[in-house]
Structure formats: structure tokens, C-alpha cells
Amino acid sequence: MLDTACQQLKAWATQPHTRDLQLAVNVSARQFAQPDFAQHVIQTIDRHGIDPTRLKLEITESMVLDVADLIVKMNALRATGVRFSMDDFGTGYSSLSHLTNLPLDQLKIDQSFVFNMHAKPTDAAIVRTIIAMAHALGLEVIAEGVETDEQRAFLLENGCLLYQGYLCGRPMAVSTLEALLVHALPGGDASPA
């Protein structure tokens, strides 16, 4: 999957309407536990010649078991420019102290909180708290599972500017995404100037 992601980033780098896109790849605890994981990622990035700042690796709270090993690997990758996001934040059992030790760039608010934030005041409070905590720690924050304008408005009012979900679009083929981006450019033309 990492190889495919790097191939896609390389292709996107050549087009004006896609060259600034980032691609996030979920990494399992088993993959991250491999002794040569960081080296493998760096070699894959080098082999494809991509800008590593366009690659984001998503980890989950459940991975934060061997913190020392995780930090060493994350720091090695971050030194090359790779970014990290804590996926499904708020659903795991990790200590909040890990947030200050891990070299993270972003927290992703789990969709279960976003889905219920208008029906359950406690979920709305959790969403606000995650946003405030991310900002206080200097991290980006993104909400998962945004499906309505009401959800997006709540997130924006509380300082969460990034979101993903069906409100943005359903899963689609890369070619469909690229076609949408071409039409989003001023004048609807993707040809280089």
C-alpha cells in the first residue's frame, strides 16, 4: 500500500491541480513493530523520489504500547519530512502524556463523536475539548465522518477547519478526484500557464 501511495504522490507532483495534495496511509501496529519499518518507508520514499512532506502516516492509540520504540521510529521518519496523524483519537486507552512525547502533526477526531455531537452534549464537549487540546499542543485537528452542514458549521465555530466524510464526497477513483480538481481550478483549466 505504501508503494502505491508513493506512486500516486509522484504522479500528482507533475500536475498543477494535484501537486499540493497529501496522502495519508493507515499503518497497523504490526507493521510499525517491524524492526526495519522506518528504513523501509525511507527507502520507498527515495525509490519513488517523492516529497516526503506529502506523505502522512496514520497511527492509532492502540499502537502506543511500546512508546520508546514508537518514538524512535517516528522521529527517524519525521526527520525526512513524513508527517503523522493520530487516527480515531479519543477511542483508545493511551495516556494523554503520550501526546506530548509523540512527534505528531495532527489529531483526528473519531467519527463516533462527530456523529453524535448534536444529540449528545457529552460528545459535543469531547469534540470541543479535542479541538482545544490539539490547538494548545500546536497540532492540526481534523474531524472524521462529517456528513452534514450542521456538523461542519459546529466544527468551524469551534476551530476545526479540516474535515473528511460524505459531505466532501463519497469514496471515488483517483481519476474522478483528479477530474474534480481540474474543474475546481480558476477558469476550469488545468493546463500549465
N, C-alpha and C. Protein backbone atom coordinates (compact mmCIF):
# COMPACT_ATOMS: atom_id res chain seq x y z
N MET A 1 0.81 -1.19 0.00
CA MET A 1 0.00 0.00 0.00
C MET A 1 0.86 1.26 0.00
N LEU A 2 1.95 1.23 0.76
CA LEU A 2 2.85 2.37 0.81
C LEU A 2 3.46 2.63 -0.57
N ASP A 3 3.82 1.57 -1.26
CA ASP A 3 4.38 1.70 -2.60
C ASP A 3 3.37 2.37 -3.54
N THR A 4 2.12 1.93 -3.47
CA THR A 4 1.06 2.51 -4.30
C THR A 4 0.85 3.98 -3.96
N ALA A 5 0.86 4.31 -2.66
CA ALA A 5 0.69 5.70 -2.24
C ALA A 5 1.82 6.58 -2.78
N CYS A 6 3.04 6.08 -2.71
CA CYS A 6 4.18 6.86 -3.22
C CYS A 6 4.12 7.02 -4.73
N GLN A 7 3.68 5.99 -5.43
CA GLN A 7 3.49 6.11 -6.88
C GLN A 7 2.48 7.20 -7.20
N GLN A 8 1.39 7.23 -6.43
CA GLN A 8 0.35 8.23 -6.66
C GLN A 8 0.87 9.63 -6.37
N LEU A 9 1.60 9.80 -5.28
CA LEU A 9 2.17 11.11 -4.96
C LEU A 9 3.13 11.58 -6.05
N LYS A 10 3.90 10.66 -6.59
CA LYS A 10 4.83 11.00 -7.68
C LYS A 10 4.05 11.50 -8.90
N ALA A 11 2.97 10.80 -9.24
CA ALA A 11 2.15 11.21 -10.38
C ALA A 11 1.49 12.56 -10.12
N TRP A 12 0.97 12.76 -8.92
CA TRP A 12 0.32 14.02 -8.60
C TRP A 12 1.30 15.19 -8.61
N ALA A 13 2.55 14.94 -8.29
CA ALA A 13 3.55 16.02 -8.23
C ALA A 13 3.77 16.68 -9.59
N THR A 14 3.42 16.01 -10.66
CA THR A 14 3.65 16.53 -12.00
C THR A 14 2.50 17.39 -12.52
N GLN A 15 1.39 17.46 -11.78
CA GLN A 15 0.21 18.18 -12.26
C GLN A 15 -0.08 19.39 -11.35
N PRO A 16 -0.35 20.55 -11.93
CA PRO A 16 -0.58 21.74 -11.11
C PRO A 16 -1.80 21.61 -10.19
N HIS A 17 -2.81 20.87 -10.60
CA HIS A 17 -4.02 20.76 -9.79
C HIS A 17 -3.93 19.70 -8.69
N THR A 18 -2.85 18.91 -8.68
CA THR A 18 -2.72 17.87 -7.65
C THR A 18 -1.39 17.92 -6.90
N ARG A 19 -0.47 18.77 -7.31
CA ARG A 19 0.89 18.73 -6.74
C ARG A 19 0.95 19.07 -5.25
N ASP A 20 -0.06 19.76 -4.72
CA ASP A 20 -0.06 20.12 -3.31
C ASP A 20 -0.84 19.15 -2.43
N LEU A 21 -1.38 18.09 -3.03
CA LEU A 21 -2.15 17.11 -2.25
C LEU A 21 -1.25 16.29 -1.34
N GLN A 22 -1.81 15.91 -0.21
CA GLN A 22 -1.15 14.97 0.69
C GLN A 22 -1.91 13.66 0.62
N LEU A 23 -1.23 12.59 0.99
CA LEU A 23 -1.87 11.29 1.01
C LEU A 23 -1.57 10.64 2.35
N ALA A 24 -2.63 10.21 3.02
CA ALA A 24 -2.50 9.56 4.32
C ALA A 24 -2.63 8.05 4.15
N VAL A 25 -1.77 7.33 4.86
CA VAL A 25 -1.75 5.87 4.82
C VAL A 25 -1.87 5.35 6.25
N ASN A 26 -2.86 4.49 6.49
CA ASN A 26 -3.00 3.88 7.81
C ASN A 26 -1.92 2.83 7.98
N VAL A 27 -1.31 2.83 9.16
CA VAL A 27 -0.25 1.87 9.48
C VAL A 27 -0.72 1.04 10.67
N SER A 28 -0.61 -0.25 10.54
CA SER A 28 -1.02 -1.13 11.64
C SER A 28 0.08 -1.23 12.69
N ALA A 29 -0.31 -1.64 13.89
CA ALA A 29 0.66 -1.84 14.97
C ALA A 29 1.68 -2.89 14.57
N ARG A 30 1.24 -3.92 13.88
CA ARG A 30 2.16 -4.99 13.46
C ARG A 30 3.21 -4.47 12.47
N GLN A 31 2.77 -3.63 11.54
CA GLN A 31 3.72 -3.05 10.59
C GLN A 31 4.74 -2.17 11.31
N PHE A 32 4.24 -1.31 12.19
CA PHE A 32 5.13 -0.38 12.88
C PHE A 32 6.10 -1.12 13.78
N ALA A 33 5.71 -2.28 14.28
CA ALA A 33 6.58 -3.06 15.18
C ALA A 33 7.74 -3.72 14.46
N GLN A 34 7.69 -3.80 13.13
CA GLN A 34 8.78 -4.41 12.39
C GLN A 34 10.05 -3.59 12.62
N PRO A 35 11.17 -4.26 12.93
CA PRO A 35 12.41 -3.54 13.24
C PRO A 35 12.87 -2.60 12.13
N ASP A 36 12.62 -2.95 10.88
CA ASP A 36 13.11 -2.14 9.76
C ASP A 36 12.02 -1.25 9.16
N PHE A 37 10.94 -1.00 9.91
CA PHE A 37 9.81 -0.24 9.36
C PHE A 37 10.24 1.13 8.86
N ALA A 38 10.90 1.92 9.71
CA ALA A 38 11.30 3.28 9.32
C ALA A 38 12.22 3.24 8.10
N GLN A 39 13.17 2.32 8.10
CA GLN A 39 14.09 2.19 6.97
C GLN A 39 13.34 1.84 5.69
N HIS A 40 12.37 0.95 5.80
CA HIS A 40 11.57 0.55 4.63
C HIS A 40 10.79 1.75 4.06
N VAL A 41 10.21 2.55 4.93
CA VAL A 41 9.45 3.72 4.47
C VAL A 41 10.39 4.71 3.79
N ILE A 42 11.54 4.96 4.39
CA ILE A 42 12.50 5.91 3.81
C ILE A 42 12.99 5.42 2.45
N GLN A 43 13.27 4.12 2.34
CA GLN A 43 13.70 3.56 1.05
C GLN A 43 12.60 3.68 0.00
N THR A 44 11.37 3.47 0.38
CA THR A 44 10.25 3.58 -0.56
C THR A 44 10.10 5.02 -1.04
N ILE A 45 10.21 5.96 -0.14
CA ILE A 45 10.15 7.38 -0.50
C ILE A 45 11.28 7.73 -1.46
N ASP A 46 12.50 7.29 -1.14
CA ASP A 46 13.65 7.57 -2.00
C ASP A 46 13.51 6.92 -3.37
N ARG A 47 13.03 5.68 -3.39
CA ARG A 47 12.88 4.95 -4.66
C ARG A 47 11.93 5.68 -5.61
N HIS A 48 10.89 6.27 -5.06
CA HIS A 48 9.91 6.96 -5.88
C HIS A 48 10.24 8.44 -6.08
N GLY A 49 11.18 8.95 -5.29
CA GLY A 49 11.59 10.34 -5.43
C GLY A 49 10.48 11.32 -5.10
N ILE A 50 9.69 11.03 -4.07
CA ILE A 50 8.58 11.93 -3.72
C ILE A 50 9.00 12.90 -2.63
N ASP A 51 8.22 13.95 -2.50
CA ASP A 51 8.39 14.90 -1.40
C ASP A 51 7.78 14.24 -0.16
N PRO A 52 8.60 13.89 0.84
CA PRO A 52 8.07 13.17 2.00
C PRO A 52 7.07 13.96 2.81
N THR A 53 7.04 15.29 2.65
CA THR A 53 6.07 16.09 3.40
C THR A 53 4.66 15.89 2.87
N ARG A 54 4.52 15.24 1.74
CA ARG A 54 3.20 14.95 1.16
C ARG A 54 2.65 13.63 1.67
N LEU A 55 3.46 12.87 2.40
CA LEU A 55 3.04 11.57 2.93
C LEU A 55 2.74 11.72 4.42
N LYS A 56 1.56 11.23 4.80
CA LYS A 56 1.18 11.24 6.21
C LYS A 56 0.88 9.81 6.62
N LEU A 57 1.47 9.38 7.71
CA LEU A 57 1.20 8.05 8.25
C LEU A 57 0.23 8.20 9.42
N GLU A 58 -0.85 7.42 9.38
CA GLU A 58 -1.85 7.48 10.44
C GLU A 58 -1.65 6.30 11.37
N ILE A 59 -1.50 6.63 12.64
CA ILE A 59 -1.36 5.61 13.67
C ILE A 59 -2.58 5.70 14.59
N THR A 60 -2.83 4.66 15.36
CA THR A 60 -3.95 4.67 16.30
C THR A 60 -3.42 4.63 17.73
N GLU A 61 -4.28 5.00 18.65
CA GLU A 61 -3.89 4.99 20.06
C GLU A 61 -3.47 3.60 20.52
N SER A 62 -4.04 2.57 19.92
CA SER A 62 -3.70 1.21 20.34
C SER A 62 -2.25 0.87 20.05
N MET A 63 -1.60 1.63 19.16
CA MET A 63 -0.20 1.38 18.82
C MET A 63 0.74 1.90 19.90
N VAL A 64 0.24 2.73 20.78
CA VAL A 64 1.09 3.39 21.75
C VAL A 64 1.31 2.46 22.95
N LEU A 65 1.87 1.30 22.69
CA LEU A 65 2.18 0.36 23.76
C LEU A 65 3.66 0.41 24.09
N ASP A 66 4.51 0.27 23.08
CA ASP A 66 5.95 0.41 23.28
C ASP A 66 6.33 1.81 22.83
N VAL A 67 6.12 2.77 23.73
CA VAL A 67 6.29 4.17 23.37
C VAL A 67 7.70 4.50 22.93
N ALA A 68 8.70 3.96 23.60
CA ALA A 68 10.09 4.28 23.27
C ALA A 68 10.41 3.89 21.84
N ASP A 69 10.04 2.67 21.43
CA ASP A 69 10.30 2.21 20.07
C ASP A 69 9.51 3.04 19.05
N LEU A 70 8.27 3.34 19.38
CA LEU A 70 7.42 4.14 18.50
C LEU A 70 8.02 5.51 18.26
N ILE A 71 8.50 6.14 19.32
CA ILE A 71 9.09 7.48 19.21
C ILE A 71 10.35 7.46 18.36
N VAL A 72 11.20 6.46 18.55
CA VAL A 72 12.43 6.36 17.75
C VAL A 72 12.09 6.26 16.27
N LYS A 73 11.16 5.40 15.92
CA LYS A 73 10.79 5.21 14.51
C LYS A 73 10.11 6.45 13.95
N MET A 74 9.22 7.05 14.74
CA MET A 74 8.55 8.26 14.27
C MET A 74 9.54 9.39 14.05
N ASN A 75 10.48 9.55 14.97
CA ASN A 75 11.48 10.62 14.81
C ASN A 75 12.36 10.40 13.58
N ALA A 76 12.72 9.15 13.32
CA ALA A 76 13.53 8.86 12.12
C ALA A 76 12.77 9.23 10.86
N LEU A 77 11.49 8.94 10.82
CA LEU A 77 10.69 9.27 9.65
C LEU A 77 10.38 10.76 9.58
N ARG A 78 10.12 11.34 10.71
CA ARG A 78 9.80 12.77 10.73
C ARG A 78 11.00 13.60 10.28
N ALA A 79 12.21 13.12 10.55
CA ALA A 79 13.42 13.83 10.12
C ALA A 79 13.49 13.93 8.60
N THR A 80 12.84 13.02 7.89
CA THR A 80 12.81 13.08 6.43
C THR A 80 11.69 13.97 5.92
N GLY A 81 10.74 14.32 6.80
CA GLY A 81 9.61 15.16 6.40
C GLY A 81 8.26 14.46 6.48
N VAL A 82 8.25 13.15 6.74
CA VAL A 82 6.99 12.41 6.85
C VAL A 82 6.20 12.97 8.02
N ARG A 83 4.89 13.10 7.84
CA ARG A 83 4.01 13.63 8.88
C ARG A 83 3.23 12.50 9.53
N PHE A 84 2.73 12.76 10.74
CA PHE A 84 1.97 11.73 11.47
C PHE A 84 0.66 12.28 11.99
N SER A 85 -0.35 11.43 11.91
CA SER A 85 -1.67 11.75 12.43
C SER A 85 -2.10 10.64 13.38
N MET A 86 -2.70 11.04 14.51
CA MET A 86 -3.27 10.07 15.44
C MET A 86 -4.72 9.87 15.02
N ASP A 87 -5.01 8.71 14.44
CA ASP A 87 -6.33 8.39 13.92
C ASP A 87 -7.25 7.95 15.04
N ASP A 88 -8.55 8.18 14.86
CA ASP A 88 -9.59 7.74 15.81
C ASP A 88 -9.32 8.23 17.22
N PHE A 89 -8.81 9.46 17.34
CA PHE A 89 -8.44 9.95 18.66
C PHE A 89 -9.66 10.00 19.58
N GLY A 90 -9.44 9.57 20.81
CA GLY A 90 -10.49 9.60 21.82
C GLY A 90 -11.15 8.27 22.05
N THR A 91 -10.82 7.27 21.24
CA THR A 91 -11.47 5.97 21.38
C THR A 91 -10.57 4.93 22.03
N GLY A 92 -9.29 5.25 22.18
CA GLY A 92 -8.34 4.28 22.74
C GLY A 92 -8.13 4.52 24.23
N TYR A 93 -7.10 3.86 24.73
CA TYR A 93 -6.84 3.93 26.16
C TYR A 93 -5.45 4.46 26.46
N SER A 94 -4.85 5.17 25.53
CA SER A 94 -3.50 5.65 25.78
C SER A 94 -3.51 6.83 26.74
N SER A 95 -2.42 7.04 27.39
CA SER A 95 -2.27 8.16 28.32
C SER A 95 -2.14 9.46 27.53
N LEU A 96 -2.76 10.50 28.03
CA LEU A 96 -2.63 11.80 27.37
C LEU A 96 -1.20 12.30 27.38
N SER A 97 -0.38 11.79 28.29
CA SER A 97 1.02 12.21 28.32
C SER A 97 1.75 11.80 27.04
N HIS A 98 1.25 10.77 26.36
CA HIS A 98 1.89 10.36 25.10
C HIS A 98 1.80 11.46 24.05
N LEU A 99 0.76 12.27 24.12
CA LEU A 99 0.61 13.33 23.13
C LEU A 99 1.77 14.32 23.19
N THR A 100 2.33 14.50 24.36
CA THR A 100 3.44 15.45 24.47
C THR A 100 4.77 14.80 24.10
N ASN A 101 4.82 13.48 24.03
CA ASN A 101 6.06 12.77 23.71
C ASN A 101 6.14 12.34 22.25
N LEU A 102 4.99 12.04 21.66
CA LEU A 102 5.00 11.56 20.27
C LEU A 102 5.14 12.72 19.30
N PRO A 103 5.95 12.56 18.26
CA PRO A 103 6.11 13.64 17.27
C PRO A 103 4.94 13.64 16.28
N LEU A 104 3.78 14.04 16.76
CA LEU A 104 2.57 14.07 15.94
C LEU A 104 2.41 15.42 15.26
N ASP A 105 1.68 15.43 14.16
CA ASP A 105 1.34 16.66 13.45
C ASP A 105 -0.14 16.94 13.53
N GLN A 106 -0.94 15.89 13.76
CA GLN A 106 -2.39 16.03 13.63
C GLN A 106 -3.12 15.04 14.53
N LEU A 107 -4.28 15.46 15.04
CA LEU A 107 -5.20 14.56 15.72
C LEU A 107 -6.46 14.46 14.86
N LYS A 108 -6.98 13.25 14.74
CA LYS A 108 -8.23 13.04 14.01
C LYS A 108 -9.32 12.68 15.01
N ILE A 109 -10.35 13.52 15.06
CA ILE A 109 -11.47 13.27 15.96
C ILE A 109 -12.26 12.10 15.41
N ASP A 110 -12.47 11.09 16.22
CA ASP A 110 -13.18 9.89 15.78
C ASP A 110 -14.61 10.24 15.36
N GLN A 111 -15.05 9.59 14.31
CA GLN A 111 -16.37 9.88 13.74
C GLN A 111 -17.52 9.59 14.70
N SER A 112 -17.33 8.71 15.66
CA SER A 112 -18.41 8.42 16.60
C SER A 112 -18.78 9.66 17.41
N PHE A 113 -17.80 10.51 17.74
CA PHE A 113 -18.09 11.74 18.47
C PHE A 113 -18.75 12.77 17.56
N VAL A 114 -18.27 12.84 16.30
CA VAL A 114 -18.82 13.79 15.34
C VAL A 114 -20.28 13.44 15.04
N PHE A 115 -20.56 12.17 14.86
CA PHE A 115 -21.91 11.72 14.52
C PHE A 115 -22.92 12.10 15.59
N ASN A 116 -22.53 11.99 16.86
CA ASN A 116 -23.47 12.21 17.96
C ASN A 116 -23.37 13.58 18.61
N MET A 117 -22.53 14.48 18.09
CA MET A 117 -22.28 15.72 18.83
C MET A 117 -23.49 16.64 18.94
N HIS A 118 -24.48 16.50 18.05
CA HIS A 118 -25.68 17.33 18.17
C HIS A 118 -26.75 16.65 19.03
N ALA A 119 -26.65 15.36 19.20
CA ALA A 119 -27.62 14.63 20.00
C ALA A 119 -27.16 14.44 21.45
N LYS A 120 -25.86 14.39 21.65
CA LYS A 120 -25.32 14.14 22.99
C LYS A 120 -24.39 15.29 23.40
N PRO A 121 -24.79 16.05 24.39
CA PRO A 121 -23.94 17.15 24.84
C PRO A 121 -22.55 16.68 25.27
N THR A 122 -22.44 15.46 25.77
CA THR A 122 -21.12 14.96 26.18
C THR A 122 -20.21 14.78 24.98
N ASP A 123 -20.76 14.31 23.85
CA ASP A 123 -19.94 14.16 22.65
C ASP A 123 -19.52 15.52 22.10
N ALA A 124 -20.43 16.51 22.16
CA ALA A 124 -20.07 17.86 21.74
C ALA A 124 -18.94 18.41 22.61
N ALA A 125 -19.01 18.14 23.91
CA ALA A 125 -17.96 18.59 24.83
C ALA A 125 -16.63 17.91 24.51
N ILE A 126 -16.67 16.62 24.18
CA ILE A 126 -15.45 15.89 23.83
C ILE A 126 -14.84 16.48 22.56
N VAL A 127 -15.67 16.77 21.56
CA VAL A 127 -15.17 17.35 20.31
C VAL A 127 -14.51 18.70 20.59
N ARG A 128 -15.19 19.55 21.36
CA ARG A 128 -14.60 20.86 21.70
C ARG A 128 -13.28 20.70 22.44
N THR A 129 -13.23 19.74 23.35
CA THR A 129 -12.02 19.52 24.15
C THR A 129 -10.87 19.03 23.28
N ILE A 130 -11.14 18.10 22.37
CA ILE A 130 -10.09 17.60 21.48
C ILE A 130 -9.55 18.74 20.60
N ILE A 131 -10.45 19.57 20.09
CA ILE A 131 -10.02 20.70 19.26
C ILE A 131 -9.14 21.65 20.07
N ALA A 132 -9.59 22.01 21.27
CA ALA A 132 -8.82 22.93 22.12
C ALA A 132 -7.47 22.32 22.50
N MET A 133 -7.47 21.03 22.83
CA MET A 133 -6.23 20.37 23.23
C MET A 133 -5.25 20.32 22.05
N ALA A 134 -5.74 19.98 20.86
CA ALA A 134 -4.88 19.94 19.68
C ALA A 134 -4.25 21.31 19.44
N HIS A 135 -5.06 22.36 19.49
CA HIS A 135 -4.53 23.71 19.28
C HIS A 135 -3.49 24.07 20.33
N ALA A 136 -3.78 23.73 21.59
CA ALA A 136 -2.84 24.04 22.68
C ALA A 136 -1.51 23.32 22.50
N LEU A 137 -1.55 22.14 21.88
CA LEU A 137 -0.33 21.35 21.65
C LEU A 137 0.33 21.68 20.31
N GLY A 138 -0.25 22.62 19.57
CA GLY A 138 0.31 23.00 18.27
C GLY A 138 0.08 21.97 17.18
N LEU A 139 -1.01 21.21 17.30
CA LEU A 139 -1.33 20.17 16.32
C LEU A 139 -2.51 20.59 15.46
N GLU A 140 -2.50 20.15 14.21
CA GLU A 140 -3.69 20.28 13.37
C GLU A 140 -4.75 19.35 13.94
N VAL A 141 -6.00 19.67 13.64
CA VAL A 141 -7.08 18.77 14.05
C VAL A 141 -8.02 18.59 12.87
N ILE A 142 -8.42 17.36 12.64
CA ILE A 142 -9.32 17.03 11.55
C ILE A 142 -10.42 16.14 12.11
N ALA A 143 -11.64 16.35 11.64
CA ALA A 143 -12.78 15.56 12.10
C ALA A 143 -13.14 14.53 11.04
N GLU A 144 -13.40 13.31 11.49
CA GLU A 144 -13.82 12.23 10.60
C GLU A 144 -15.34 12.13 10.57
N GLY A 145 -15.87 11.65 9.46
CA GLY A 145 -17.28 11.30 9.39
C GLY A 145 -18.23 12.48 9.31
N VAL A 146 -17.79 13.60 8.76
CA VAL A 146 -18.67 14.77 8.64
C VAL A 146 -19.62 14.54 7.47
N GLU A 147 -20.92 14.56 7.77
CA GLU A 147 -21.93 14.26 6.75
C GLU A 147 -22.91 15.39 6.52
N THR A 148 -22.99 16.35 7.44
CA THR A 148 -23.99 17.41 7.30
C THR A 148 -23.36 18.79 7.42
N ASP A 149 -24.07 19.79 6.87
CA ASP A 149 -23.63 21.17 7.00
C ASP A 149 -23.64 21.61 8.47
N GLU A 150 -24.59 21.06 9.24
CA GLU A 150 -24.68 21.39 10.67
C GLU A 150 -23.43 20.92 11.41
N GLN A 151 -22.96 19.73 11.10
CA GLN A 151 -21.73 19.22 11.73
C GLN A 151 -20.54 20.09 11.34
N ARG A 152 -20.44 20.40 10.05
CA ARG A 152 -19.33 21.24 9.58
C ARG A 152 -19.35 22.61 10.26
N ALA A 153 -20.53 23.21 10.37
CA ALA A 153 -20.65 24.53 11.00
C ALA A 153 -20.20 24.48 12.46
N PHE A 154 -20.61 23.43 13.18
CA PHE A 154 -20.21 23.28 14.58
C PHE A 154 -18.69 23.19 14.68
N LEU A 155 -18.09 22.38 13.82
CA LEU A 155 -16.63 22.21 13.84
C LEU A 155 -15.92 23.52 13.53
N LEU A 156 -16.38 24.23 12.51
CA LEU A 156 -15.77 25.51 12.15
C LEU A 156 -15.88 26.52 13.29
N GLU A 157 -17.06 26.59 13.92
CA GLU A 157 -17.27 27.52 15.03
C GLU A 157 -16.32 27.23 16.19
N ASN A 158 -15.91 25.99 16.31
CA ASN A 158 -15.05 25.59 17.42
C ASN A 158 -13.58 25.47 17.02
N GLY A 159 -13.24 25.89 15.80
CA GLY A 159 -11.85 25.97 15.40
C GLY A 159 -11.28 24.77 14.67
N CYS A 160 -12.14 23.83 14.26
CA CYS A 160 -11.69 22.68 13.47
C CYS A 160 -11.95 22.99 12.00
N LEU A 161 -10.90 23.32 11.27
CA LEU A 161 -11.02 23.75 9.88
C LEU A 161 -10.94 22.61 8.88
N LEU A 162 -10.46 21.44 9.32
CA LEU A 162 -10.29 20.31 8.42
C LEU A 162 -11.28 19.22 8.77
N TYR A 163 -11.84 18.61 7.74
CA TYR A 163 -12.77 17.51 7.97
C TYR A 163 -12.76 16.58 6.77
N GLN A 164 -13.26 15.38 7.03
CA GLN A 164 -13.43 14.41 5.95
C GLN A 164 -14.74 13.70 6.20
N GLY A 165 -15.32 13.19 5.14
CA GLY A 165 -16.58 12.48 5.26
C GLY A 165 -17.43 12.67 4.02
N TYR A 166 -18.63 12.14 4.07
CA TYR A 166 -19.52 12.17 2.91
C TYR A 166 -19.94 13.57 2.50
N LEU A 167 -19.84 14.55 3.40
CA LEU A 167 -20.15 15.92 3.00
C LEU A 167 -19.17 16.38 1.92
N CYS A 168 -17.92 15.91 2.01
CA CYS A 168 -16.91 16.23 0.99
C CYS A 168 -17.12 15.39 -0.26
N GLY A 169 -17.49 14.15 -0.07
CA GLY A 169 -17.69 13.25 -1.20
C GLY A 169 -17.58 11.80 -0.75
N ARG A 170 -18.13 10.95 -1.53
CA ARG A 170 -18.05 9.51 -1.28
C ARG A 170 -16.70 9.00 -1.78
N PRO A 171 -16.30 7.82 -1.34
CA PRO A 171 -15.06 7.25 -1.89
C PRO A 171 -15.15 7.21 -3.43
N MET A 172 -14.05 7.54 -4.07
CA MET A 172 -14.05 7.61 -5.53
C MET A 172 -12.70 7.19 -6.09
N ALA A 173 -12.72 6.90 -7.36
CA ALA A 173 -11.49 6.54 -8.06
C ALA A 173 -10.59 7.76 -8.16
N VAL A 174 -9.29 7.53 -8.22
CA VAL A 174 -8.32 8.62 -8.34
C VAL A 174 -8.64 9.48 -9.56
N SER A 175 -8.99 8.86 -10.67
CA SER A 175 -9.28 9.63 -11.89
C SER A 175 -10.47 10.57 -11.69
N THR A 176 -11.47 10.15 -10.93
CA THR A 176 -12.62 11.00 -10.65
C THR A 176 -12.20 12.19 -9.79
N LEU A 177 -11.39 11.93 -8.77
CA LEU A 177 -10.88 13.01 -7.92
C LEU A 177 -10.08 14.01 -8.75
N GLU A 178 -9.21 13.51 -9.60
CA GLU A 178 -8.39 14.40 -10.42
C GLU A 178 -9.25 15.25 -11.34
N ALA A 179 -10.31 14.67 -11.92
CA ALA A 179 -11.21 15.43 -12.78
C ALA A 179 -11.93 16.52 -11.99
N LEU A 180 -12.34 16.22 -10.76
CA LEU A 180 -12.98 17.23 -9.91
C LEU A 180 -12.02 18.37 -9.60
N LEU A 181 -10.77 18.04 -9.35
CA LEU A 181 -9.79 19.07 -9.02
C LEU A 181 -9.48 19.95 -10.22
N VAL A 182 -9.47 19.37 -11.42
CA VAL A 182 -9.23 20.15 -12.63
C VAL A 182 -10.31 21.21 -12.77
N HIS A 183 -11.55 20.82 -12.53
CA HIS A 183 -12.66 21.77 -12.67
C HIS A 183 -12.73 22.78 -11.53
N ALA A 184 -12.05 22.49 -10.43
CA ALA A 184 -12.03 23.41 -9.30
C ALA A 184 -11.04 24.54 -9.50
N LEU A 185 -10.11 24.39 -10.46
CA LEU A 185 -9.13 25.45 -10.71
C LEU A 185 -9.82 26.66 -11.33
N PRO A 186 -9.31 27.86 -11.05
CA PRO A 186 -9.88 29.06 -11.68
C PRO A 186 -9.89 28.90 -13.19
N GLY A 187 -11.03 29.16 -13.79
CA GLY A 187 -11.17 29.03 -15.24
C GLY A 187 -11.43 27.60 -15.68
N GLY A 188 -11.38 26.64 -14.74
CA GLY A 188 -11.67 25.25 -15.08
C GLY A 188 -10.66 24.62 -16.00
N ASP A 189 -9.46 25.18 -16.07
CA ASP A 189 -8.45 24.66 -16.99
C ASP A 189 -7.22 24.24 -16.21
N ALA A 190 -6.78 23.02 -16.42
CA ALA A 190 -5.62 22.52 -15.69
C ALA A 190 -4.33 22.64 -16.50
N SER A 191 -4.41 23.20 -17.69
CA SER A 191 -3.20 23.29 -18.50
C SER A 191 -2.23 24.26 -17.88
N PRO A 192 -0.92 23.92 -17.93
CA PRO A 192 0.06 24.81 -17.31
C PRO A 192 0.12 26.14 -18.04
N ALA A 193 0.37 27.20 -17.29
CA ALA A 193 0.44 28.55 -17.87
C ALA A 193 1.76 28.77 -18.58
